[in-house]
Amino acid sequence: MFQKAKRIIWQQLQRFAERKQWREVLQESRSEERLILRSVDTSCMDSLTQAEKEAYDRQWGWLGLPPSYREVEVFKHFNGFDPRYLSHYHYLPLIARRLNDYSWTKRFEYKALLGRFSNEVLRPPRTFAWALNGEWYDADFHQIPFEEAVRRCVAHDAFVCKPSAESGDGRGVKLLKRGGVNKEKWDATVSTILAQCSKDAVVQEVIRQSPEMAQFNPSSLNTLRVTSLYLNGRFSICSIILRMGKSGSVVDNWNAGGILLGVSLDGQLHEFGYDVAYNRFADVNGIRFAETRLACVPALLRLIEDAHTTRFSLCKLIGWDIAYEEGGRPVLIEVNSSQPGVFGEQFCTGPIFGDRTDEVIAYCRSKTFSYGRALASY
């Protein structure tokens, strides 16, 4: 009798946990949709026909969420309807967590650790010092006193200080330049900034970008976001976009006012780029996109394939942020290894998984869904 009662109570607790988890999933899905569509008005959305809704439900309805087509209506308005488009409403959290096991993949996103997984061919920016929970370390993970961290940073006339984790859309990124400031004031300024950031920060070199990338906007570090998939032992490029800041900006992020532009596998730029308000640009600084090709792209894709399949193979889907320094070498700014964005990528280059969409769905359907957060997130 006792065992039966115990089993009934356990089953009731499981059902309660499942209902609670599902409420959290739906809450996150709706929140992601609101964030994605915050800058969109109805003039940029074309309603789906009944046949299109049914086609979309056949593709993604297995996830079990109440139907929502708002993001797909944006894609339809600009690019035409395709049921393979993946909305953030479905992607987060139901697809991303099945593709990437956050308990492992979140660790790769910590910028201070990135040098441990990359190499000199595709290297991260050089780190001067980094902090976690008020304790400071050098690039080789030796613990150092705060005063030593300041000393290492003031030795440089410019550096970037940013959160080592969760710095999406350029949040918390500080660019410090000494200029004509005397040593005493520079030392005091750096000490103050580092003290403010000592809970979570990485202090890195300022990348002097190549002329090929600087031509679009010299005030921001312009980057390529390459999204790659390594699934079932097969590697493929899902999307390539060029991100550039607008004049005067120091970051290139879309939600911080930057411009996104699709790039072909051979480096050819697409005809038009867009800002987050969906204004269309055919050129910047006199550079016509349709007449421009980035010669660096084919070689970069080979480097990313090697890195993804040998050093980051635990991650099925990765968004790589790549800059180019003056000598033309690539610099790995960030690895988005748990839930890289897919909306802007699809807006510029089409359905994120393309002809592998059904394969991705089959893989995800074979995985047990877990909504628990990674310990590295806390």
Protein backbone atom coordinates (compact mmCIF):
# COMPACT_ATOMS: atom_id res chain seq x y z
CA MET A 1 0.00 0.00 0.00
CA PHE A 2 2.79 2.38 0.94
CA GLN A 3 4.68 1.70 -2.30
CA LYS A 4 1.53 2.32 -4.38
CA ALA A 5 0.87 5.64 -2.62
CA LYS A 6 4.50 6.62 -3.09
CA ARG A 7 4.27 5.82 -6.82
CA ILE A 8 1.06 7.88 -7.21
CA ILE A 9 2.62 10.87 -5.43
CA TRP A 10 5.73 10.60 -7.63
CA GLN A 11 3.62 10.51 -10.79
CA GLN A 12 1.67 13.57 -9.63
CA LEU A 13 4.91 15.44 -8.94
CA GLN A 14 6.21 14.54 -12.39
CA ARG A 15 3.03 15.83 -14.07
CA PHE A 16 3.25 19.04 -12.05
CA ALA A 17 6.90 19.52 -13.07
CA GLU A 18 6.06 18.89 -16.73
CA ARG A 19 3.23 21.46 -16.65
CA LYS A 20 5.48 24.00 -14.93
CA GLN A 21 8.24 23.38 -17.48
CA TRP A 22 5.83 23.79 -20.37
CA ARG A 23 4.57 27.11 -18.97
CA GLU A 24 8.18 28.30 -18.79
CA VAL A 25 8.83 27.15 -22.35
CA LEU A 26 5.79 29.00 -23.66
CA GLN A 27 6.74 32.10 -21.68
CA GLU A 28 10.25 32.10 -23.19
CA SER A 29 8.91 31.48 -26.71
CA ARG A 30 6.54 34.43 -26.48
CA SER A 31 9.23 36.62 -24.97
CA GLU A 32 11.65 35.80 -27.80
CA GLU A 33 8.98 36.59 -30.37
CA ARG A 34 8.33 39.98 -28.77
CA LEU A 35 12.04 40.80 -28.74
CA ILE A 36 12.47 39.85 -32.39
CA LEU A 37 9.43 41.86 -33.53
CA ARG A 38 9.90 44.93 -31.34
CA SER A 39 11.01 47.06 -34.33
CA VAL A 40 8.54 45.62 -36.85
CA ASP A 41 5.29 47.29 -37.91
CA THR A 42 2.44 45.56 -39.70
CA SER A 43 3.45 47.06 -43.05
CA CYS A 44 6.44 44.69 -43.00
CA MET A 45 4.30 41.59 -42.44
CA ASP A 46 2.30 39.70 -45.08
CA SER A 47 -0.38 37.41 -43.67
CA LEU A 48 -0.05 33.73 -44.54
CA THR A 49 -2.75 32.01 -46.56
CA GLN A 50 -4.50 29.03 -45.02
CA ALA A 51 -2.45 26.69 -47.21
CA GLU A 52 0.78 28.37 -46.07
CA LYS A 53 -0.24 28.05 -42.41
CA GLU A 54 -0.91 24.36 -42.89
CA ALA A 55 2.46 23.89 -44.60
CA TYR A 56 4.23 25.70 -41.77
CA ASP A 57 2.40 23.64 -39.15
CA ARG A 58 3.44 20.43 -40.91
CA GLN A 59 7.06 21.58 -40.66
CA TRP A 60 7.13 22.84 -37.06
CA GLY A 61 3.82 21.92 -35.42
CA TRP A 62 5.34 18.78 -33.87
CA LEU A 63 6.96 21.07 -31.27
CA GLY A 64 3.53 21.45 -29.68
CA LEU A 65 3.40 25.23 -29.23
CA PRO A 66 0.22 27.18 -29.99
CA PRO A 67 0.49 28.37 -33.62
CA SER A 68 2.19 31.72 -34.27
CA TYR A 69 3.17 32.95 -37.74
CA ARG A 70 4.25 36.54 -37.06
CA GLU A 71 7.97 36.12 -37.72
CA VAL A 72 7.27 34.06 -40.85
CA GLU A 73 5.04 36.89 -42.06
CA VAL A 74 8.09 39.18 -41.99
CA PHE A 75 10.13 36.70 -44.02
CA LYS A 76 7.27 36.36 -46.50
CA HIS A 77 7.00 40.14 -46.95
CA PHE A 78 10.69 40.52 -47.85
CA ASN A 79 11.70 37.14 -49.25
CA GLY A 80 8.57 35.15 -50.04
CA PHE A 81 7.04 32.24 -48.14
CA ASP A 82 9.03 29.10 -47.29
CA PRO A 83 7.87 26.68 -44.56
CA ARG A 84 11.50 25.95 -43.67
CA TYR A 85 11.94 29.38 -42.05
CA LEU A 86 12.53 28.84 -38.32
CA SER A 87 11.06 31.47 -36.00
CA HIS A 88 12.70 32.35 -32.69
CA TYR A 89 9.30 31.52 -31.22
CA HIS A 90 10.04 27.86 -32.05
CA TYR A 91 13.83 27.98 -32.04
CA LEU A 92 14.17 29.16 -28.45
CA PRO A 93 13.96 27.08 -26.46
CA LEU A 94 12.70 23.98 -28.27
CA ILE A 95 15.19 23.57 -31.13
CA ALA A 96 18.34 25.20 -29.70
CA ARG A 97 18.36 23.05 -26.57
CA ARG A 98 17.97 19.87 -28.59
CA LEU A 99 20.81 20.76 -30.96
CA ASN A 100 23.24 22.03 -28.31
CA ASP A 101 23.55 20.61 -24.81
CA TYR A 102 23.84 23.84 -22.85
CA SER A 103 25.51 22.12 -19.89
CA TRP A 104 28.56 21.79 -22.17
CA THR A 105 28.21 24.31 -24.96
CA LYS A 106 27.74 27.38 -22.75
CA ARG A 107 31.33 27.00 -21.60
CA PHE A 108 32.67 27.82 -25.07
CA GLU A 109 30.97 31.23 -24.98
CA TYR A 110 33.03 32.53 -22.07
CA LYS A 111 35.41 34.91 -23.84
CA ALA A 112 38.23 34.54 -21.32
CA LEU A 113 38.31 30.79 -22.04
CA LEU A 114 38.24 31.09 -25.81
CA GLY A 115 42.00 30.93 -26.21
CA ARG A 116 41.96 27.45 -24.68
CA PHE A 117 39.91 26.10 -27.57
CA SER A 118 41.25 28.10 -30.54
CA ASN A 119 44.72 28.38 -32.03
CA GLU A 120 47.05 30.93 -33.59
CA VAL A 121 45.53 30.47 -37.05
CA LEU A 122 42.04 31.45 -35.86
CA ARG A 123 42.89 33.24 -32.63
CA PRO A 124 40.86 35.37 -30.20
CA PRO A 125 41.94 38.94 -29.36
CA ARG A 126 44.92 39.06 -27.00
CA THR A 127 43.79 39.26 -23.39
CA PHE A 128 45.50 41.63 -20.95
CA ALA A 129 43.49 40.59 -17.87
CA TRP A 130 40.12 39.14 -16.97
CA ALA A 131 37.91 38.99 -13.90
CA LEU A 132 35.41 36.63 -12.35
CA ASN A 133 33.57 37.33 -9.08
CA GLY A 134 36.00 40.07 -8.08
CA GLU A 135 39.17 38.05 -8.71
CA TRP A 136 41.58 38.88 -11.51
CA TYR A 137 43.61 36.60 -13.78
CA ASP A 138 46.13 36.94 -16.58
CA ALA A 139 45.82 35.36 -20.02
CA ASP A 140 47.45 32.15 -18.74
CA PHE A 141 44.93 31.81 -15.88
CA HIS A 142 47.38 32.81 -13.16
CA GLN A 143 45.58 34.70 -10.41
CA ILE A 144 46.86 38.25 -10.04
CA PRO A 145 46.03 41.11 -7.65
CA PHE A 146 43.79 43.92 -8.86
CA GLU A 147 46.76 46.32 -8.92
CA GLU A 148 48.60 43.99 -11.31
CA ALA A 149 45.57 43.85 -13.61
CA VAL A 150 45.53 47.65 -13.70
CA ARG A 151 49.27 47.76 -14.38
CA ARG A 152 48.91 45.37 -17.31
CA CYS A 153 46.08 47.44 -18.82
CA VAL A 154 47.54 50.94 -18.38
CA ALA A 155 50.60 49.75 -20.30
CA HIS A 156 48.43 50.01 -23.43
CA ASP A 157 47.10 53.20 -24.96
CA ALA A 158 43.81 51.57 -25.90
CA PHE A 159 41.84 48.47 -24.99
CA VAL A 160 38.36 46.98 -25.00
CA CYS A 161 36.68 46.01 -21.74
CA LYS A 162 33.54 43.88 -22.03
CA PRO A 163 31.59 41.20 -20.18
CA SER A 164 33.16 37.80 -20.68
CA ALA A 165 29.68 36.29 -20.88
CA GLU A 166 26.29 37.55 -22.07
CA SER A 167 27.42 40.63 -24.04
CA GLY A 168 24.94 40.22 -26.89
CA ASP A 169 24.07 43.27 -29.03
CA GLY A 170 27.21 45.01 -27.76
CA ARG A 171 25.91 45.36 -24.19
CA GLY A 172 28.56 46.52 -21.74
CA VAL A 173 31.32 46.94 -24.33
CA LYS A 174 33.68 49.82 -23.44
CA LEU A 175 36.40 51.15 -25.74
CA LEU A 176 39.06 53.09 -23.83
CA LYS A 177 41.66 55.25 -25.53
CA ARG A 178 44.32 57.24 -23.72
CA GLY A 179 44.67 60.01 -26.27
CA GLY A 180 46.45 63.03 -24.74
CA VAL A 181 45.62 62.12 -21.14
CA ASN A 182 48.58 62.21 -18.74
CA LYS A 183 49.74 59.05 -16.99
CA GLU A 184 48.23 59.87 -13.62
CA LYS A 185 44.77 60.46 -15.05
CA TRP A 186 45.00 57.45 -17.36
CA ASP A 187 45.96 55.19 -14.44
CA ALA A 188 43.03 56.51 -12.39
CA THR A 189 40.55 56.10 -15.25
CA VAL A 190 41.62 52.51 -15.93
CA SER A 191 41.53 51.64 -12.22
CA THR A 192 37.98 52.99 -11.94
CA ILE A 193 36.73 51.11 -15.01
CA LEU A 194 38.27 47.82 -13.92
CA ALA A 195 36.84 48.17 -10.41
CA GLN A 196 33.37 48.67 -11.90
CA CYS A 197 33.72 45.56 -14.09
CA SER A 198 35.44 43.19 -11.67
CA LYS A 199 32.49 40.82 -11.31
CA ASP A 200 32.71 39.69 -14.94
CA ALA A 201 35.03 41.23 -17.51
CA VAL A 202 37.68 40.55 -20.07
CA VAL A 203 40.15 43.26 -21.13
CA GLN A 204 41.51 42.76 -24.63
CA GLU A 205 43.50 44.43 -27.34
CA VAL A 206 41.90 46.80 -29.81
CA ILE A 207 41.85 45.11 -33.20
CA ARG A 208 43.13 47.36 -35.95
CA GLN A 209 41.00 46.02 -38.73
CA SER A 210 42.01 45.34 -42.28
CA PRO A 211 41.27 47.94 -44.98
CA GLU A 212 38.90 45.44 -46.62
CA MET A 213 36.67 45.47 -43.50
CA ALA A 214 37.27 49.07 -42.42
CA GLN A 215 36.03 50.44 -45.75
CA PHE A 216 32.41 49.90 -44.69
CA ASN A 217 32.70 51.91 -41.47
CA PRO A 218 36.06 52.74 -39.84
CA SER A 219 34.66 53.60 -36.38
CA SER A 220 33.30 50.10 -35.67
CA LEU A 221 34.91 46.69 -35.67
CA ASN A 222 33.01 45.15 -38.58
CA THR A 223 32.64 41.39 -38.51
CA LEU A 224 31.46 38.37 -40.40
CA ARG A 225 28.90 36.17 -38.64
CA VAL A 226 29.28 32.67 -40.04
CA THR A 227 26.74 30.09 -38.87
CA SER A 228 27.83 26.47 -39.27
CA LEU A 229 26.19 23.11 -38.63
CA TYR A 230 28.07 19.93 -37.71
CA LEU A 231 25.46 17.20 -37.46
CA ASN A 232 25.59 13.46 -38.05
CA GLY A 233 29.26 13.77 -38.97
CA ARG A 234 28.56 16.24 -41.77
CA PHE A 235 29.65 19.90 -41.79
CA SER A 236 27.90 22.68 -43.69
CA ILE A 237 27.70 26.47 -43.75
CA CYS A 238 24.18 27.69 -42.93
CA SER A 239 24.63 31.43 -43.37
CA ILE A 240 27.21 34.18 -43.82
CA ILE A 241 26.40 37.79 -43.03
CA LEU A 242 28.52 40.91 -42.92
CA ARG A 243 27.82 43.19 -39.96
CA MET A 244 28.87 46.82 -40.06
CA GLY A 245 28.25 49.70 -37.68
CA LYS A 246 26.87 53.01 -38.77
CA SER A 247 29.06 56.11 -38.81
CA GLY A 248 30.39 56.94 -35.34
CA SER A 249 29.36 53.62 -33.77
CA VAL A 250 32.00 51.39 -32.13
CA VAL A 251 29.92 48.18 -32.41
CA ASP A 252 28.43 46.48 -35.45
CA ASN A 253 25.47 44.70 -33.82
CA TRP A 254 22.13 44.87 -35.64
CA ASN A 255 20.12 45.84 -32.55
CA ALA A 256 22.69 48.56 -31.79
CA GLY A 257 21.99 50.24 -35.14
CA GLY A 258 24.26 48.26 -37.44
CA ILE A 259 23.58 46.98 -40.95
CA LEU A 260 23.30 43.29 -41.87
CA LEU A 261 24.17 42.08 -45.34
CA GLY A 262 24.12 38.57 -46.80
CA VAL A 263 27.33 37.08 -48.23
CA SER A 264 27.68 34.19 -50.68
CA LEU A 265 30.09 31.28 -50.17
CA ASP A 266 32.56 32.87 -52.61
CA GLY A 267 32.51 36.18 -50.72
CA GLN A 268 30.20 38.06 -53.07
CA LEU A 269 28.04 40.54 -51.14
CA HIS A 270 24.31 40.48 -51.69
CA GLU A 271 22.68 43.45 -53.38
CA PHE A 272 21.02 44.98 -50.30
CA GLY A 273 21.68 45.29 -46.57
CA TYR A 274 19.19 46.21 -43.84
CA ASP A 275 19.17 47.88 -40.46
CA VAL A 276 16.94 46.73 -37.60
CA ALA A 277 14.16 49.09 -38.75
CA TYR A 278 14.25 47.29 -42.15
CA ASN A 279 15.58 50.29 -44.04
CA ARG A 280 17.32 49.04 -47.18
CA PHE A 281 20.87 49.99 -48.20
CA ALA A 282 22.49 49.30 -51.57
CA ASP A 283 25.79 50.94 -50.57
CA VAL A 284 27.74 52.60 -47.76
CA ASN A 285 30.62 55.07 -48.06
CA GLY A 286 30.29 54.87 -51.83
CA ILE A 287 30.80 51.08 -51.84
CA ARG A 288 28.11 49.32 -53.85
CA PHE A 289 27.40 45.95 -52.30
CA ALA A 290 26.44 44.24 -55.55
CA GLU A 291 29.85 45.13 -56.99
CA THR A 292 31.91 43.99 -53.98
CA ARG A 293 33.42 40.64 -53.08
CA LEU A 294 35.33 39.77 -49.89
CA ALA A 295 38.33 37.73 -51.02
CA CYS A 296 38.91 36.43 -47.47
CA VAL A 297 35.71 34.36 -47.23
CA PRO A 298 36.59 31.03 -48.95
CA ALA A 299 39.74 30.55 -46.84
CA LEU A 300 37.85 31.53 -43.69
CA LEU A 301 35.21 28.87 -44.29
CA ARG A 302 37.93 26.21 -44.43
CA LEU A 303 39.32 27.41 -41.08
CA ILE A 304 35.86 27.33 -39.52
CA GLU A 305 35.24 23.80 -40.78
CA ASP A 306 38.48 22.64 -39.18
CA ALA A 307 37.71 24.41 -35.89
CA HIS A 308 34.10 23.21 -35.69
CA THR A 309 34.85 19.57 -36.47
CA THR A 310 37.98 19.23 -34.29
CA ARG A 311 37.71 21.68 -31.36
CA PHE A 312 34.01 22.49 -31.06
CA SER A 313 32.41 19.23 -32.16
CA LEU A 314 30.22 19.08 -29.03
CA CYS A 315 28.28 22.01 -30.53
CA LYS A 316 26.00 21.16 -33.42
CA LEU A 317 25.18 24.77 -34.38
CA ILE A 318 27.63 27.66 -33.93
CA GLY A 319 27.59 31.34 -34.83
CA TRP A 320 31.19 32.54 -35.34
CA ASP A 321 32.01 36.27 -35.09
CA ILE A 322 35.13 36.96 -37.13
CA ALA A 323 37.07 40.20 -37.58
CA TYR A 324 40.16 40.79 -39.71
CA GLU A 325 43.25 42.59 -38.44
CA GLU A 326 45.49 44.90 -40.47
CA GLY A 327 47.65 42.12 -41.86
CA GLY A 328 44.59 40.29 -43.17
CA ARG A 329 44.53 37.55 -40.52
CA PRO A 330 41.18 36.47 -39.04
CA VAL A 331 40.46 37.10 -35.36
CA LEU A 332 37.86 35.07 -33.51
CA ILE A 333 35.90 37.66 -31.53
CA GLU A 334 33.26 35.33 -30.11
CA VAL A 335 31.78 31.85 -30.42
CA ASN A 336 28.00 31.65 -30.04
CA SER A 337 27.87 27.97 -29.18
CA SER A 338 24.55 27.46 -27.42
CA GLN A 339 21.85 29.51 -29.14
CA PRO A 340 23.21 31.61 -32.01
CA GLY A 341 20.62 33.95 -33.46
CA VAL A 342 18.77 32.87 -36.58
CA PHE A 343 16.34 35.70 -37.40
CA GLY A 344 18.73 38.22 -38.96
CA GLU A 345 20.63 35.41 -40.64
CA GLN A 346 17.47 34.07 -42.30
CA PHE A 347 16.32 37.57 -43.18
CA CYS A 348 19.52 38.05 -45.19
CA THR A 349 20.24 34.55 -46.53
CA GLY A 350 17.08 32.40 -46.36
CA PRO A 351 15.99 29.43 -44.18
CA ILE A 352 18.79 28.74 -41.72
CA PHE A 353 19.05 24.98 -42.29
CA GLY A 354 18.17 25.03 -46.01
CA ASP A 355 18.11 21.57 -47.55
CA ARG A 356 19.13 20.06 -44.19
CA THR A 357 15.96 21.23 -42.42
CA ASP A 358 14.32 17.79 -42.37
CA GLU A 359 17.56 16.22 -41.13
CA VAL A 360 17.77 18.74 -38.27
CA ILE A 361 14.13 18.09 -37.37
CA ALA A 362 14.69 14.32 -37.35
CA TYR A 363 17.70 14.78 -35.07
CA CYS A 364 15.81 17.05 -32.68
CA ARG A 365 12.83 14.72 -32.52
CA SER A 366 15.16 11.91 -31.45
CA LYS A 367 16.44 13.90 -28.46
CA THR A 368 14.85 14.18 -25.03
CA PHE A 369 14.00 17.78 -24.30
CA SER A 370 15.41 19.31 -21.13
CA TYR A 371 14.71 22.87 -20.07
CA GLY A 372 17.25 22.97 -17.24
CA ARG A 373 19.81 25.73 -17.47
CA ALA A 374 23.52 25.13 -17.76
CA LEU A 375 25.46 25.52 -14.53
CA ALA A 376 27.79 27.86 -16.44
CA SER A 377 24.88 30.32 -16.75
CA TYR A 378 24.66 30.96 -13.04
